[in-house]
Protein backbone atom coordinates (compact mmCIF):
# COMPACT_ATOMS: atom_id res chain seq x y z
CA UNK A 1 0.00 0.00 0.00
CA UNK A 2 1.25 3.46 -0.90
CA UNK A 3 2.22 5.64 2.09
CA UNK A 4 0.26 8.60 0.70
CA UNK A 5 -2.87 6.42 0.59
CA UNK A 6 -2.14 5.21 4.14
CA UNK A 7 -1.90 8.81 5.34
CA UNK A 8 -5.21 9.70 3.66
CA UNK A 9 -6.93 6.67 5.13
CA UNK A 10 -5.96 7.18 8.74
CA UNK A 11 -7.82 9.93 10.53
CA UNK A 12 -5.94 11.61 13.35
CA UNK A 13 -6.97 13.34 16.55
CA UNK A 14 -9.68 15.93 15.79
CA UNK A 15 -10.47 14.41 12.38
CA UNK A 16 -12.05 11.36 14.04
CA UNK A 17 -15.83 11.73 14.06
CA UNK A 18 -17.16 8.69 15.96
CA UNK A 19 -18.68 9.46 19.38
CA UNK A 20 -17.11 6.32 20.87
CA UNK A 21 -14.00 4.34 19.92
CA UNK A 22 -12.32 1.08 20.92
CA UNK A 23 -9.04 2.37 22.31
CA UNK A 24 -5.69 0.61 22.13
CA UNK A 25 -2.98 2.20 24.26
CA UNK A 26 0.53 3.10 23.14
CA UNK A 27 1.80 -0.14 24.68
CA UNK A 28 -0.62 -2.19 22.54
CA UNK A 29 -2.90 -3.02 25.45
CA UNK A 30 -6.63 -2.76 24.80
CA UNK A 31 -8.11 -0.02 27.00
CA UNK A 32 -11.72 -0.65 25.94
CA UNK A 33 -14.60 1.36 24.52
CA UNK A 34 -14.38 5.00 25.57
CA UNK A 35 -15.79 8.31 24.39
CA UNK A 36 -13.81 10.17 21.76
CA UNK A 37 -13.07 12.90 24.31
CA UNK A 38 -11.56 10.36 26.73
CA UNK A 39 -9.47 8.82 23.95
CA UNK A 40 -8.17 12.22 22.84
CA UNK A 41 -7.32 13.13 26.44
CA UNK A 42 -5.52 9.79 26.88
CA UNK A 43 -3.37 10.49 23.79
CA UNK A 44 -2.72 14.12 24.73
CA UNK A 45 -1.59 13.18 28.26
CA UNK A 46 1.08 10.95 26.68
CA UNK A 47 2.08 13.54 24.08
CA UNK A 48 1.02 11.19 21.26
CA UNK A 49 -1.57 11.04 18.47
CA UNK A 50 -4.90 9.24 18.38
CA UNK A 51 -5.04 7.34 15.07
CA UNK A 52 -8.13 5.63 13.66
CA UNK A 53 -6.74 2.30 12.41
CA UNK A 54 -9.96 0.35 11.68
CA UNK A 55 -12.59 2.90 10.62
CA UNK A 56 -15.19 0.33 9.50
CA UNK A 57 -15.41 -1.45 12.87
CA UNK A 58 -18.26 -0.70 15.26
CA UNK A 59 -17.05 1.27 17.16
CA UNK A 60 -13.95 2.30 15.16
CA UNK A 61 -10.62 1.08 16.53
CA UNK A 62 -8.16 3.83 17.47
CA UNK A 63 -4.61 3.53 18.73
CA UNK A 64 -2.44 5.94 20.67
CA UNK A 65 0.88 6.31 18.82
CA UNK A 66 3.48 8.69 17.47
CA UNK A 67 2.05 8.95 13.96
CA UNK A 68 5.08 10.72 12.50
CA UNK A 69 7.33 7.92 13.70
CA UNK A 70 4.88 5.31 12.36
CA UNK A 71 4.90 6.86 8.87
CA UNK A 72 8.71 7.18 8.94
CA UNK A 73 9.09 3.49 9.84
CA UNK A 74 6.64 2.46 7.10
CA UNK A 75 8.63 4.41 4.50
CA UNK A 76 11.88 2.92 5.78
CA UNK A 77 10.48 -0.63 5.52
CA UNK A 78 9.32 0.01 1.96
CA UNK A 79 12.77 1.27 0.94
CA UNK A 80 14.44 -1.82 2.40
CA UNK A 81 12.05 -4.21 0.63
PDB file of N, CA and C in Angstrom:
ATOM      1  N   UNK A   1       0.839  -1.181   0.000  1.00  0.00           N
ATOM      2  CA  UNK A   1       0.000   0.000   0.000  1.00  0.00           C
ATOM      3  C   UNK A   1       0.885   1.245   0.000  1.00  0.00           C
ATOM      4  N   UNK A   2       0.512   2.205  -0.776  1.00  0.00           N
ATOM      5  CA  UNK A   2       1.254   3.456  -0.898  1.00  0.00           C
ATOM      6  C   UNK A   2       1.126   4.266   0.397  1.00  0.00           C
ATOM      7  N   UNK A   3       2.216   4.859   0.846  1.00  0.00           N
ATOM      8  CA  UNK A   3       2.223   5.636   2.089  1.00  0.00           C
ATOM      9  C   UNK A   3       1.250   6.814   2.000  1.00  0.00           C
ATOM     10  N   UNK A   4       1.179   7.472   0.852  1.00  0.00           N
ATOM     11  CA  UNK A   4       0.255   8.598   0.699  1.00  0.00           C
ATOM     12  C   UNK A   4      -1.178   8.133   0.910  1.00  0.00           C
ATOM     13  N   UNK A   5      -1.522   6.958   0.391  1.00  0.00           N
ATOM     14  CA  UNK A   5      -2.868   6.415   0.594  1.00  0.00           C
ATOM     15  C   UNK A   5      -3.079   6.094   2.067  1.00  0.00           C
ATOM     16  N   UNK A   6      -2.061   5.541   2.720  1.00  0.00           N
ATOM     17  CA  UNK A   6      -2.143   5.213   4.145  1.00  0.00           C
ATOM     18  C   UNK A   6      -2.423   6.484   4.947  1.00  0.00           C
ATOM     19  N   UNK A   7      -1.721   7.565   4.612  1.00  0.00           N
ATOM     20  CA  UNK A   7      -1.901   8.812   5.338  1.00  0.00           C
ATOM     21  C   UNK A   7      -3.308   9.359   5.137  1.00  0.00           C
ATOM     22  N   UNK A   8      -3.858   9.212   3.937  1.00  0.00           N
ATOM     23  CA  UNK A   8      -5.206   9.700   3.665  1.00  0.00           C
ATOM     24  C   UNK A   8      -6.248   8.859   4.389  1.00  0.00           C
ATOM     25  N   UNK A   9      -5.974   7.570   4.524  1.00  0.00           N
ATOM     26  CA  UNK A   9      -6.932   6.665   5.131  1.00  0.00           C
ATOM     27  C   UNK A   9      -7.046   6.839   6.631  1.00  0.00           C
ATOM     28  N   UNK A  10      -5.951   7.081   7.289  1.00  0.00           N
ATOM     29  CA  UNK A  10      -5.957   7.183   8.743  1.00  0.00           C
ATOM     30  C   UNK A  10      -6.356   8.580   9.180  1.00  0.00           C
ATOM     31  N   UNK A  11      -7.435   8.643   9.957  1.00  0.00           N
ATOM     32  CA  UNK A  11      -7.820   9.929  10.535  1.00  0.00           C
ATOM     33  C   UNK A  11      -7.086  10.090  11.858  1.00  0.00           C
ATOM     34  N   UNK A  12      -6.703  11.315  12.140  1.00  0.00           N
ATOM     35  CA  UNK A  12      -5.941  11.612  13.351  1.00  0.00           C
ATOM     36  C   UNK A  12      -6.699  12.573  14.247  1.00  0.00           C
ATOM     37  N   UNK A  13      -6.525  12.391  15.537  1.00  0.00           N
ATOM     38  CA  UNK A  13      -6.966  13.336  16.554  1.00  0.00           C
ATOM     39  C   UNK A  13      -8.337  13.943  16.264  1.00  0.00           C
ATOM     40  N   UNK A  14      -8.419  15.232  15.994  1.00  0.00           N
ATOM     41  CA  UNK A  14      -9.683  15.931  15.793  1.00  0.00           C
ATOM     42  C   UNK A  14     -10.428  15.569  14.524  1.00  0.00           C
ATOM     43  N   UNK A  15      -9.796  14.823  13.611  1.00  0.00           N
ATOM     44  CA  UNK A  15     -10.471  14.411  12.378  1.00  0.00           C
ATOM     45  C   UNK A  15     -11.380  13.206  12.600  1.00  0.00           C
ATOM     46  N   UNK A  16     -11.227  12.529  13.726  1.00  0.00           N
ATOM     47  CA  UNK A  16     -12.046  11.356  14.036  1.00  0.00           C
ATOM     48  C   UNK A  16     -13.429  11.842  14.434  1.00  0.00           C
ATOM     49  N   UNK A  17     -14.471  11.230  13.859  1.00  0.00           N
ATOM     50  CA  UNK A  17     -15.827  11.730  14.057  1.00  0.00           C
ATOM     51  C   UNK A  17     -16.719  10.842  14.916  1.00  0.00           C
ATOM     52  N   UNK A  18     -16.318   9.614  15.188  1.00  0.00           N
ATOM     53  CA  UNK A  18     -17.156   8.689  15.956  1.00  0.00           C
ATOM     54  C   UNK A  18     -17.303   9.175  17.403  1.00  0.00           C
ATOM     55  N   UNK A  19     -18.497   9.031  17.985  1.00  0.00           N
ATOM     56  CA  UNK A  19     -18.677   9.465  19.375  1.00  0.00           C
ATOM     57  C   UNK A  19     -17.958   8.559  20.378  1.00  0.00           C
ATOM     58  N   UNK A  20     -17.818   7.275  20.029  1.00  0.00           N
ATOM     59  CA  UNK A  20     -17.106   6.320  20.873  1.00  0.00           C
ATOM     60  C   UNK A  20     -16.123   5.535  20.025  1.00  0.00           C
ATOM     61  N   UNK A  21     -15.014   5.119  20.631  1.00  0.00           N
ATOM     62  CA  UNK A  21     -14.004   4.340  19.921  1.00  0.00           C
ATOM     63  C   UNK A  21     -13.515   3.205  20.812  1.00  0.00           C
ATOM     64  N   UNK A  22     -13.006   2.156  20.180  1.00  0.00           N
ATOM     65  CA  UNK A  22     -12.322   1.083  20.916  1.00  0.00           C
ATOM     66  C   UNK A  22     -10.862   1.505  20.959  1.00  0.00           C
ATOM     67  N   UNK A  23     -10.364   1.774  22.147  1.00  0.00           N
ATOM     68  CA  UNK A  23      -9.039   2.365  22.313  1.00  0.00           C
ATOM     69  C   UNK A  23      -7.977   1.319  22.614  1.00  0.00           C
ATOM     70  N   UNK A  24      -6.873   1.421  21.880  1.00  0.00           N
ATOM     71  CA  UNK A  24      -5.686   0.613  22.133  1.00  0.00           C
ATOM     72  C   UNK A  24      -4.599   1.585  22.572  1.00  0.00           C
ATOM     73  N   UNK A  25      -4.004   1.317  23.709  1.00  0.00           N
ATOM     74  CA  UNK A  25      -2.982   2.198  24.263  1.00  0.00           C
ATOM     75  C   UNK A  25      -1.683   2.139  23.484  1.00  0.00           C
ATOM     76  N   UNK A  26      -0.767   3.021  23.815  1.00  0.00           N
ATOM     77  CA  UNK A  26       0.527   3.098  23.138  1.00  0.00           C
ATOM     78  C   UNK A  26       1.335   1.822  23.325  1.00  0.00           C
ATOM     79  N   UNK A  27       1.078   1.105  24.412  1.00  0.00           N
ATOM     80  CA  UNK A  27       1.797  -0.140  24.685  1.00  0.00           C
ATOM     81  C   UNK A  27       1.158  -1.346  23.995  1.00  0.00           C
ATOM     82  N   UNK A  28       0.065  -1.116  23.251  1.00  0.00           N
ATOM     83  CA  UNK A  28      -0.615  -2.193  22.537  1.00  0.00           C
ATOM     84  C   UNK A  28      -1.711  -2.856  23.348  1.00  0.00           C
ATOM     85  N   UNK A  29      -1.879  -2.432  24.591  1.00  0.00           N
ATOM     86  CA  UNK A  29      -2.903  -3.017  25.447  1.00  0.00           C
ATOM     87  C   UNK A  29      -4.262  -2.393  25.143  1.00  0.00           C
ATOM     88  N   UNK A  30      -5.295  -3.240  25.088  1.00  0.00           N
ATOM     89  CA  UNK A  30      -6.635  -2.755  24.799  1.00  0.00           C
ATOM     90  C   UNK A  30      -7.203  -2.065  26.041  1.00  0.00           C
ATOM     91  N   UNK A  31      -7.553  -0.796  25.897  1.00  0.00           N
ATOM     92  CA  UNK A  31      -8.109  -0.021  26.998  1.00  0.00           C
ATOM     93  C   UNK A  31      -9.602  -0.287  27.105  1.00  0.00           C
ATOM     94  N   UNK A  32     -10.288  -0.392  25.961  1.00  0.00           N
ATOM     95  CA  UNK A  32     -11.722  -0.647  25.941  1.00  0.00           C
ATOM     96  C   UNK A  32     -12.453   0.411  25.138  1.00  0.00           C
ATOM     97  N   UNK A  33     -13.769   0.386  25.237  1.00  0.00           N
ATOM     98  CA  UNK A  33     -14.598   1.356  24.518  1.00  0.00           C
ATOM     99  C   UNK A  33     -14.744   2.591  25.397  1.00  0.00           C
ATOM    100  N   UNK A  34     -14.338   3.726  24.840  1.00  0.00           N
ATOM    101  CA  UNK A  34     -14.377   4.995  25.566  1.00  0.00           C
ATOM    102  C   UNK A  34     -14.941   6.071  24.644  1.00  0.00           C
ATOM    103  N   UNK A  35     -15.328   7.199  25.229  1.00  0.00           N
ATOM    104  CA  UNK A  35     -15.790   8.309  24.394  1.00  0.00           C
ATOM    105  C   UNK A  35     -14.595   8.883  23.638  1.00  0.00           C
ATOM    106  N   UNK A  36     -14.875   9.549  22.548  1.00  0.00           N
ATOM    107  CA  UNK A  36     -13.814  10.170  21.763  1.00  0.00           C
ATOM    108  C   UNK A  36     -13.034  11.168  22.615  1.00  0.00           C
ATOM    109  N   UNK A  37     -13.738  11.916  23.456  1.00  0.00           N
ATOM    110  CA  UNK A  37     -13.075  12.902  24.306  1.00  0.00           C
ATOM    111  C   UNK A  37     -12.073  12.229  25.248  1.00  0.00           C
ATOM    112  N   UNK A  38     -12.470  11.089  25.838  1.00  0.00           N
ATOM    113  CA  UNK A  38     -11.562  10.361  26.732  1.00  0.00           C
ATOM    114  C   UNK A  38     -10.340   9.863  25.970  1.00  0.00           C
ATOM    115  N   UNK A  39     -10.569   9.347  24.766  1.00  0.00           N
ATOM    116  CA  UNK A  39      -9.468   8.820  23.952  1.00  0.00           C
ATOM    117  C   UNK A  39      -8.496   9.934  23.577  1.00  0.00           C
ATOM    118  N   UNK A  40      -9.027  11.083  23.188  1.00  0.00           N
ATOM    119  CA  UNK A  40      -8.171  12.219  22.837  1.00  0.00           C
ATOM    120  C   UNK A  40      -7.373  12.696  24.050  1.00  0.00           C
ATOM    121  N   UNK A  41      -8.007  12.719  25.208  1.00  0.00           N
ATOM    122  CA  UNK A  41      -7.322  13.131  26.437  1.00  0.00           C
ATOM    123  C   UNK A  41      -6.205  12.136  26.773  1.00  0.00           C
ATOM    124  N   UNK A  42      -6.503  10.850  26.616  1.00  0.00           N
ATOM    125  CA  UNK A  42      -5.519   9.788  26.877  1.00  0.00           C
ATOM    126  C   UNK A  42      -4.277   9.997  25.997  1.00  0.00           C
ATOM    127  N   UNK A  43      -4.493  10.277  24.715  1.00  0.00           N
ATOM    128  CA  UNK A  43      -3.374  10.492  23.788  1.00  0.00           C
ATOM    129  C   UNK A  43      -2.613  11.771  24.139  1.00  0.00           C
ATOM    130  N   UNK A  44      -3.353  12.827  24.434  1.00  0.00           N
ATOM    131  CA  UNK A  44      -2.724  14.115  24.734  1.00  0.00           C
ATOM    132  C   UNK A  44      -1.867  14.042  25.995  1.00  0.00           C
ATOM    133  N   UNK A  45      -2.345  13.318  27.010  1.00  0.00           N
ATOM    134  CA  UNK A  45      -1.585  13.176  28.256  1.00  0.00           C
ATOM    135  C   UNK A  45      -0.230  12.514  28.014  1.00  0.00           C
ATOM    136  N   UNK A  46      -0.166  11.652  26.995  1.00  0.00           N
ATOM    137  CA  UNK A  46       1.077  10.955  26.684  1.00  0.00           C
ATOM    138  C   UNK A  46       1.901  11.680  25.623  1.00  0.00           C
ATOM    139  N   UNK A  47       1.368  12.785  25.106  1.00  0.00           N
ATOM    140  CA  UNK A  47       2.076  13.538  24.078  1.00  0.00           C
ATOM    141  C   UNK A  47       2.107  12.809  22.744  1.00  0.00           C
ATOM    142  N   UNK A  48       1.072  11.990  22.489  1.00  0.00           N
ATOM    143  CA  UNK A  48       1.016  11.194  21.264  1.00  0.00           C
ATOM    144  C   UNK A  48      -0.245  11.513  20.478  1.00  0.00           C
ATOM    145  N   UNK A  49      -0.409  10.837  19.339  1.00  0.00           N
ATOM    146  CA  UNK A  49      -1.568  11.040  18.475  1.00  0.00           C
ATOM    147  C   UNK A  49      -2.581   9.925  18.666  1.00  0.00           C
ATOM    148  N   UNK A  50      -3.848  10.244  18.434  1.00  0.00           N
ATOM    149  CA  UNK A  50      -4.903   9.242  18.379  1.00  0.00           C
ATOM    150  C   UNK A  50      -5.138   8.970  16.903  1.00  0.00           C
ATOM    151  N   UNK A  51      -4.951   7.714  16.478  1.00  0.00           N
ATOM    152  CA  UNK A  51      -5.039   7.343  15.071  1.00  0.00           C
ATOM    153  C   UNK A  51      -6.133   6.302  14.895  1.00  0.00           C
ATOM    154  N   UNK A  52      -7.060   6.573  13.978  1.00  0.00           N
ATOM    155  CA  UNK A  52      -8.129   5.625  13.659  1.00  0.00           C
ATOM    156  C   UNK A  52      -7.539   4.572  12.725  1.00  0.00           C
ATOM    157  N   UNK A  53      -7.395   3.333  13.211  1.00  0.00           N
ATOM    158  CA  UNK A  53      -6.739   2.304  12.411  1.00  0.00           C
ATOM    159  C   UNK A  53      -7.717   1.339  11.751  1.00  0.00           C
ATOM    160  N   UNK A  54      -8.933   1.194  12.309  1.00  0.00           N
ATOM    161  CA  UNK A  54      -9.957   0.353  11.682  1.00  0.00           C
ATOM    162  C   UNK A  54     -11.258   1.158  11.670  1.00  0.00           C
ATOM    163  N   UNK A  55     -11.433   2.000  10.643  1.00  0.00           N
ATOM    164  CA  UNK A  55     -12.593   2.898  10.621  1.00  0.00           C
ATOM    165  C   UNK A  55     -13.929   2.196  10.417  1.00  0.00           C
ATOM    166  N   UNK A  56     -13.933   1.006   9.807  1.00  0.00           N
ATOM    167  CA  UNK A  56     -15.189   0.326   9.498  1.00  0.00           C
ATOM    168  C   UNK A  56     -15.716  -0.531  10.637  1.00  0.00           C
ATOM    169  N   UNK A  57     -14.961  -0.673  11.713  1.00  0.00           N
ATOM    170  CA  UNK A  57     -15.413  -1.453  12.868  1.00  0.00           C
ATOM    171  C   UNK A  57     -16.480  -0.668  13.622  1.00  0.00           C
ATOM    172  N   UNK A  58     -17.228  -1.365  14.470  1.00  0.00           N
ATOM    173  CA  UNK A  58     -18.259  -0.700  15.256  1.00  0.00           C
ATOM    174  C   UNK A  58     -18.003  -0.972  16.726  1.00  0.00           C
ATOM    175  N   UNK A  59     -17.516  -0.066  17.529  1.00  0.00           N
ATOM    176  CA  UNK A  59     -17.047   1.273  17.159  1.00  0.00           C
ATOM    177  C   UNK A  59     -15.670   1.209  16.493  1.00  0.00           C
ATOM    178  N   UNK A  60     -15.264   2.282  15.821  1.00  0.00           N
ATOM    179  CA  UNK A  60     -13.952   2.297  15.159  1.00  0.00           C
ATOM    180  C   UNK A  60     -12.825   2.039  16.161  1.00  0.00           C
ATOM    181  N   UNK A  61     -11.771   1.378  15.685  1.00  0.00           N
ATOM    182  CA  UNK A  61     -10.617   1.081  16.535  1.00  0.00           C
ATOM    183  C   UNK A  61      -9.588   2.197  16.362  1.00  0.00           C
ATOM    184  N   UNK A  62      -9.158   2.760  17.484  1.00  0.00           N
ATOM    185  CA  UNK A  62      -8.161   3.826  17.471  1.00  0.00           C
ATOM    186  C   UNK A  62      -6.998   3.424  18.361  1.00  0.00           C
ATOM    187  N   UNK A  63      -5.803   3.847  17.962  1.00  0.00           N
ATOM    188  CA  UNK A  63      -4.605   3.526  18.734  1.00  0.00           C
ATOM    189  C   UNK A  63      -3.846   4.798  19.057  1.00  0.00           C
ATOM    190  N   UNK A  64      -3.295   4.835  20.251  1.00  0.00           N
ATOM    191  CA  UNK A  64      -2.442   5.942  20.669  1.00  0.00           C
ATOM    192  C   UNK A  64      -1.033   5.628  20.175  1.00  0.00           C
ATOM    193  N   UNK A  65      -0.469   6.527  19.358  1.00  0.00           N
ATOM    194  CA  UNK A  65       0.878   6.306  18.819  1.00  0.00           C
ATOM    195  C   UNK A  65       1.489   7.616  18.359  1.00  0.00           C
ATOM    196  N   UNK A  66       2.779   7.571  18.089  1.00  0.00           N
ATOM    197  CA  UNK A  66       3.477   8.694  17.472  1.00  0.00           C
ATOM    198  C   UNK A  66       3.319   8.494  15.968  1.00  0.00           C
ATOM    199  N   UNK A  67       2.375   9.197  15.356  1.00  0.00           N
ATOM    200  CA  UNK A  67       2.048   8.952  13.957  1.00  0.00           C
ATOM    201  C   UNK A  67       3.203   9.302  13.027  1.00  0.00           C
ATOM    202  N   UNK A  68       3.929  10.351  13.327  1.00  0.00           N
ATOM    203  CA  UNK A  68       5.081  10.724  12.500  1.00  0.00           C
ATOM    204  C   UNK A  68       6.116   9.614  12.468  1.00  0.00           C
ATOM    205  N   UNK A  69       6.376   9.022  13.619  1.00  0.00           N
ATOM    206  CA  UNK A  69       7.335   7.917  13.703  1.00  0.00           C
ATOM    207  C   UNK A  69       6.811   6.696  12.943  1.00  0.00           C
ATOM    208  N   UNK A  70       5.518   6.427  13.053  1.00  0.00           N
ATOM    209  CA  UNK A  70       4.884   5.307  12.361  1.00  0.00           C
ATOM    210  C   UNK A  70       5.053   5.446  10.849  1.00  0.00           C
ATOM    211  N   UNK A  71       4.775   6.625  10.310  1.00  0.00           N
ATOM    212  CA  UNK A  71       4.901   6.864   8.870  1.00  0.00           C
ATOM    213  C   UNK A  71       6.360   6.733   8.443  1.00  0.00           C
ATOM    214  N   UNK A  72       7.275   7.275   9.238  1.00  0.00           N
ATOM    215  CA  UNK A  72       8.706   7.177   8.936  1.00  0.00           C
ATOM    216  C   UNK A  72       9.140   5.713   8.860  1.00  0.00           C
ATOM    217  N   UNK A  73       8.716   4.903   9.828  1.00  0.00           N
ATOM    218  CA  UNK A  73       9.094   3.488   9.842  1.00  0.00           C
ATOM    219  C   UNK A  73       8.498   2.738   8.659  1.00  0.00           C
ATOM    220  N   UNK A  74       7.267   3.093   8.264  1.00  0.00           N
ATOM    221  CA  UNK A  74       6.641   2.460   7.105  1.00  0.00           C
ATOM    222  C   UNK A  74       7.437   2.770   5.835  1.00  0.00           C
ATOM    223  N   UNK A  75       7.839   4.023   5.674  1.00  0.00           N
ATOM    224  CA  UNK A  75       8.629   4.413   4.500  1.00  0.00           C
ATOM    225  C   UNK A  75       9.969   3.687   4.494  1.00  0.00           C
ATOM    226  N   UNK A  76      10.591   3.591   5.660  1.00  0.00           N
ATOM    227  CA  UNK A  76      11.882   2.921   5.783  1.00  0.00           C
ATOM    228  C   UNK A  76      11.764   1.442   5.401  1.00  0.00           C
ATOM    229  N   UNK A  77      10.707   0.781   5.851  1.00  0.00           N
ATOM    230  CA  UNK A  77      10.485  -0.630   5.516  1.00  0.00           C
ATOM    231  C   UNK A  77      10.292  -0.808   4.018  1.00  0.00           C
ATOM    232  N   UNK A  78       9.576   0.102   3.400  1.00  0.00           N
ATOM    233  CA  UNK A  78       9.320   0.008   1.959  1.00  0.00           C
ATOM    234  C   UNK A  78      10.624   0.166   1.168  1.00  0.00           C
ATOM    235  N   UNK A  79      11.501   1.048   1.628  1.00  0.00           N
ATOM    236  CA  UNK A  79      12.772   1.268   0.937  1.00  0.00           C
ATOM    237  C   UNK A  79      13.682   0.058   1.065  1.00  0.00           C
ATOM    238  N   UNK A  80      13.604  -0.645   2.189  1.00  0.00           N
ATOM    239  CA  UNK A  80      14.438  -1.822   2.405  1.00  0.00           C
ATOM    240  C   UNK A  80      13.932  -3.026   1.624  1.00  0.00           C
ATOM    241  N   UNK A  81      12.654  -3.055   1.318  1.00  0.00           N
ATOM    242  CA  UNK A  81      12.055  -4.212   0.630  1.00  0.00           C
ATOM    243  C   UNK A  81      12.395  -4.252  -0.844  1.00  0.00           C
TER     244      UNK A  81
END
